[in-house]
Amino acid sequence: MRVIAREIGMSSSGLHSFLYAKSKRGPQPRIHERLVRWYRTDTLSKKARKTRVVTSEVARIAAAVLLEHVEVEDQKKALKKLVAVLGEVSGKPRPRWLAELRRLADEAGEADE
């Protein structure tokens, strides 16, 4: 996580808080801007497009960016729907990062119960 945080231009504790925080406010705009800039320059770079390497961490970050504008109380339900749709269209074999997102969605549902 430290390596990714350094690449993004933020602290590892800041990235950890972003990924695992239970804040109802959502991410700070500055953090969002850094993540979007990093995602566009690194993940969508020429090398990434060629190899299409997506790790569980990249998938979590991408899901967090996608869901940040969803109301906080609806994010868990939205994550479950996102995982379901990705599961339907991802083909076989399923990518490892999808299993990680599914696990996070399941854990988020259990936390509500």
C-alpha atoms as a PDB file:
ATOM      1  CA  MET A   1       0.000   0.000   0.000  1.00  0.00           C
ATOM      2  CA  ARG A   2       2.949   2.312   0.685  1.00  0.00           C
ATOM      3  CA  VAL A   3       4.168   2.032  -2.886  1.00  0.00           C
ATOM      4  CA  ILE A   4       0.759   2.895  -4.315  1.00  0.00           C
ATOM      5  CA  ALA A   5       0.283   5.746  -1.837  1.00  0.00           C
ATOM      6  CA  ARG A   6       3.665   7.168  -2.825  1.00  0.00           C
ATOM      7  CA  GLU A   7       2.751   6.940  -6.517  1.00  0.00           C
ATOM      8  CA  ILE A   8      -0.546   8.725  -5.857  1.00  0.00           C
ATOM      9  CA  GLY A   9       1.176  11.436  -3.850  1.00  0.00           C
ATOM     10  CA  MET A  10      -0.417  10.749  -0.496  1.00  0.00           C
ATOM     11  CA  SER A  11       0.453   9.037   2.759  1.00  0.00           C
ATOM     12  CA  SER A  12      -0.177   5.325   3.214  1.00  0.00           C
ATOM     13  CA  SER A  13      -2.353   6.112   6.241  1.00  0.00           C
ATOM     14  CA  GLY A  14      -4.378   8.530   4.097  1.00  0.00           C
ATOM     15  CA  LEU A  15      -4.892   5.855   1.436  1.00  0.00           C
ATOM     16  CA  HIS A  16      -5.793   3.287   4.098  1.00  0.00           C
ATOM     17  CA  SER A  17      -8.340   5.696   5.582  1.00  0.00           C
ATOM     18  CA  PHE A  18      -9.815   6.317   2.153  1.00  0.00           C
ATOM     19  CA  LEU A  19     -10.176   2.617   1.395  1.00  0.00           C
ATOM     20  CA  TYR A  20     -11.437   1.438   4.759  1.00  0.00           C
ATOM     21  CA  ALA A  21     -12.981   4.517   6.384  1.00  0.00           C
ATOM     22  CA  LYS A  22     -16.528   4.448   7.580  1.00  0.00           C
ATOM     23  CA  SER A  23     -16.938   8.214   7.234  1.00  0.00           C
ATOM     24  CA  LYS A  24     -20.386   9.395   6.262  1.00  0.00           C
ATOM     25  CA  ARG A  25     -18.879  12.467   4.624  1.00  0.00           C
ATOM     26  CA  GLY A  26     -17.132  10.565   1.877  1.00  0.00           C
ATOM     27  CA  PRO A  27     -13.644  11.324   0.561  1.00  0.00           C
ATOM     28  CA  GLN A  28     -12.163  14.790   0.600  1.00  0.00           C
ATOM     29  CA  PRO A  29     -12.087  16.469  -2.825  1.00  0.00           C
ATOM     30  CA  ARG A  30      -8.280  16.758  -2.707  1.00  0.00           C
ATOM     31  CA  ILE A  31      -7.928  12.997  -2.170  1.00  0.00           C
ATOM     32  CA  HIS A  32     -10.402  12.282  -4.956  1.00  0.00           C
ATOM     33  CA  GLU A  33      -8.479  14.502  -7.378  1.00  0.00           C
ATOM     34  CA  ARG A  34      -5.201  12.746  -6.563  1.00  0.00           C
ATOM     35  CA  LEU A  35      -6.729   9.306  -7.040  1.00  0.00           C
ATOM     36  CA  VAL A  36      -8.355  10.221 -10.340  1.00  0.00           C
ATOM     37  CA  ARG A  37      -5.125  11.795 -11.624  1.00  0.00           C
ATOM     38  CA  TRP A  38      -3.134   8.739 -10.541  1.00  0.00           C
ATOM     39  CA  TYR A  39      -5.648   6.337 -12.045  1.00  0.00           C
ATOM     40  CA  ARG A  40      -5.612   8.139 -15.373  1.00  0.00           C
ATOM     41  CA  THR A  41      -1.837   8.455 -15.599  1.00  0.00           C
ATOM     42  CA  ASP A  42      -0.797   5.108 -14.146  1.00  0.00           C
ATOM     43  CA  THR A  43      -3.539   2.545 -14.579  1.00  0.00           C
ATOM     44  CA  LEU A  44      -4.624   3.786 -17.968  1.00  0.00           C
ATOM     45  CA  SER A  45      -1.082   4.275 -19.191  1.00  0.00           C
ATOM     46  CA  LYS A  46       0.132   2.635 -22.353  1.00  0.00           C
ATOM     47  CA  LYS A  47       1.736  -0.223 -20.394  1.00  0.00           C
ATOM     48  CA  ALA A  48      -1.410  -0.891 -18.356  1.00  0.00           C
ATOM     49  CA  ARG A  49      -3.572  -0.931 -21.480  1.00  0.00           C
ATOM     50  CA  LYS A  50      -1.255  -3.494 -23.036  1.00  0.00           C
ATOM     51  CA  THR A  51      -1.045  -5.823 -20.065  1.00  0.00           C
ATOM     52  CA  ARG A  52      -4.465  -5.088 -18.534  1.00  0.00           C
ATOM     53  CA  VAL A  53      -3.129  -5.837 -15.054  1.00  0.00           C
ATOM     54  CA  VAL A  54      -5.746  -5.135 -12.419  1.00  0.00           C
ATOM     55  CA  THR A  55      -4.923  -5.977  -8.833  1.00  0.00           C
ATOM     56  CA  SER A  56      -7.355  -6.211  -5.937  1.00  0.00           C
ATOM     57  CA  GLU A  57      -6.084  -2.869  -4.639  1.00  0.00           C
ATOM     58  CA  VAL A  58      -6.635  -1.164  -7.998  1.00  0.00           C
ATOM     59  CA  ALA A  59     -10.147  -2.652  -8.143  1.00  0.00           C
ATOM     60  CA  ARG A  60     -10.933  -1.360  -4.622  1.00  0.00           C
ATOM     61  CA  ILE A  61      -9.660   2.098  -5.500  1.00  0.00           C
ATOM     62  CA  ALA A  62     -11.632   2.153  -8.747  1.00  0.00           C
ATOM     63  CA  ALA A  63     -14.812   1.034  -6.955  1.00  0.00           C
ATOM     64  CA  ALA A  64     -14.289   3.704  -4.296  1.00  0.00           C
ATOM     65  CA  VAL A  65     -13.887   6.377  -6.954  1.00  0.00           C
ATOM     66  CA  LEU A  66     -16.994   5.168  -8.789  1.00  0.00           C
ATOM     67  CA  LEU A  67     -19.092   5.058  -5.632  1.00  0.00           C
ATOM     68  CA  GLU A  68     -17.944   8.299  -4.050  1.00  0.00           C
ATOM     69  CA  HIS A  69     -20.829  10.299  -5.478  1.00  0.00           C
ATOM     70  CA  VAL A  70     -23.409   7.775  -4.297  1.00  0.00           C
ATOM     71  CA  GLU A  71     -25.071   8.692  -1.019  1.00  0.00           C
ATOM     72  CA  VAL A  72     -23.109   7.126   1.830  1.00  0.00           C
ATOM     73  CA  GLU A  73     -26.079   5.104   3.072  1.00  0.00           C
ATOM     74  CA  ASP A  74     -26.509   3.620  -0.433  1.00  0.00           C
ATOM     75  CA  GLN A  75     -22.849   2.805  -1.154  1.00  0.00           C
ATOM     76  CA  LYS A  76     -22.963  -0.750   0.200  1.00  0.00           C
ATOM     77  CA  LYS A  77     -25.992  -1.609  -1.914  1.00  0.00           C
ATOM     78  CA  ALA A  78     -24.369   0.065  -4.935  1.00  0.00           C
ATOM     79  CA  LEU A  79     -21.151  -1.922  -4.404  1.00  0.00           C
ATOM     80  CA  LYS A  80     -23.133  -5.169  -4.344  1.00  0.00           C
ATOM     81  CA  LYS A  81     -24.874  -4.219  -7.601  1.00  0.00           C
ATOM     82  CA  LEU A  82     -21.567  -3.233  -9.190  1.00  0.00           C
ATOM     83  CA  VAL A  83     -20.031  -6.573  -8.234  1.00  0.00           C
ATOM     84  CA  ALA A  84     -23.070  -8.448  -9.565  1.00  0.00           C
ATOM     85  CA  VAL A  85     -22.920  -6.688 -12.927  1.00  0.00           C
ATOM     86  CA  LEU A  86     -19.159  -7.173 -13.224  1.00  0.00           C
ATOM     87  CA  GLY A  87     -19.648 -10.846 -12.389  1.00  0.00           C
ATOM     88  CA  GLU A  88     -22.154 -11.219 -15.208  1.00  0.00           C
ATOM     89  CA  VAL A  89     -19.950  -9.622 -17.857  1.00  0.00           C
ATOM     90  CA  SER A  90     -16.442 -10.636 -16.776  1.00  0.00           C
ATOM     91  CA  GLY A  91     -16.427 -14.033 -18.447  1.00  0.00           C
ATOM     92  CA  LYS A  92     -14.616 -17.129 -17.272  1.00  0.00           C
ATOM     93  CA  PRO A  93     -12.331 -17.529 -15.470  1.00  0.00           C
ATOM     94  CA  ARG A  94     -13.330 -14.744 -13.114  1.00  0.00           C
ATOM     95  CA  PRO A  95     -10.541 -12.284 -12.328  1.00  0.00           C
ATOM     96  CA  ARG A  96      -9.107 -12.413  -8.790  1.00  0.00           C
ATOM     97  CA  TRP A  97      -9.956  -8.779  -8.120  1.00  0.00           C
ATOM     98  CA  LEU A  98     -13.646  -9.548  -8.645  1.00  0.00           C
ATOM     99  CA  ALA A  99     -13.556 -12.106  -5.846  1.00  0.00           C
ATOM    100  CA  GLU A 100     -11.965  -9.474  -3.586  1.00  0.00           C
ATOM    101  CA  LEU A 101     -14.674  -6.925  -4.426  1.00  0.00           C
ATOM    102  CA  ARG A 102     -17.344  -9.568  -3.810  1.00  0.00           C
ATOM    103  CA  ARG A 103     -15.792 -10.294  -0.399  1.00  0.00           C
ATOM    104  CA  LEU A 104     -15.815  -6.582   0.466  1.00  0.00           C
ATOM    105  CA  ALA A 105     -19.451  -6.272  -0.617  1.00  0.00           C
ATOM    106  CA  ASP A 106     -20.406  -9.292   1.493  1.00  0.00           C
ATOM    107  CA  GLU A 107     -18.550  -7.891   4.512  1.00  0.00           C
ATOM    108  CA  ALA A 108     -20.266  -4.529   4.055  1.00  0.00           C
ATOM    109  CA  GLY A 109     -23.643  -6.291   4.075  1.00  0.00           C
ATOM    110  CA  GLU A 110     -22.768  -8.221   7.239  1.00  0.00           C
ATOM    111  CA  ALA A 111     -21.753  -4.992   8.998  1.00  0.00           C
ATOM    112  CA  ASP A 112     -25.296  -3.676   8.540  1.00  0.00           C
ATOM    113  CA  GLU A 113     -26.879  -6.712  10.161  1.00  0.00           C
END
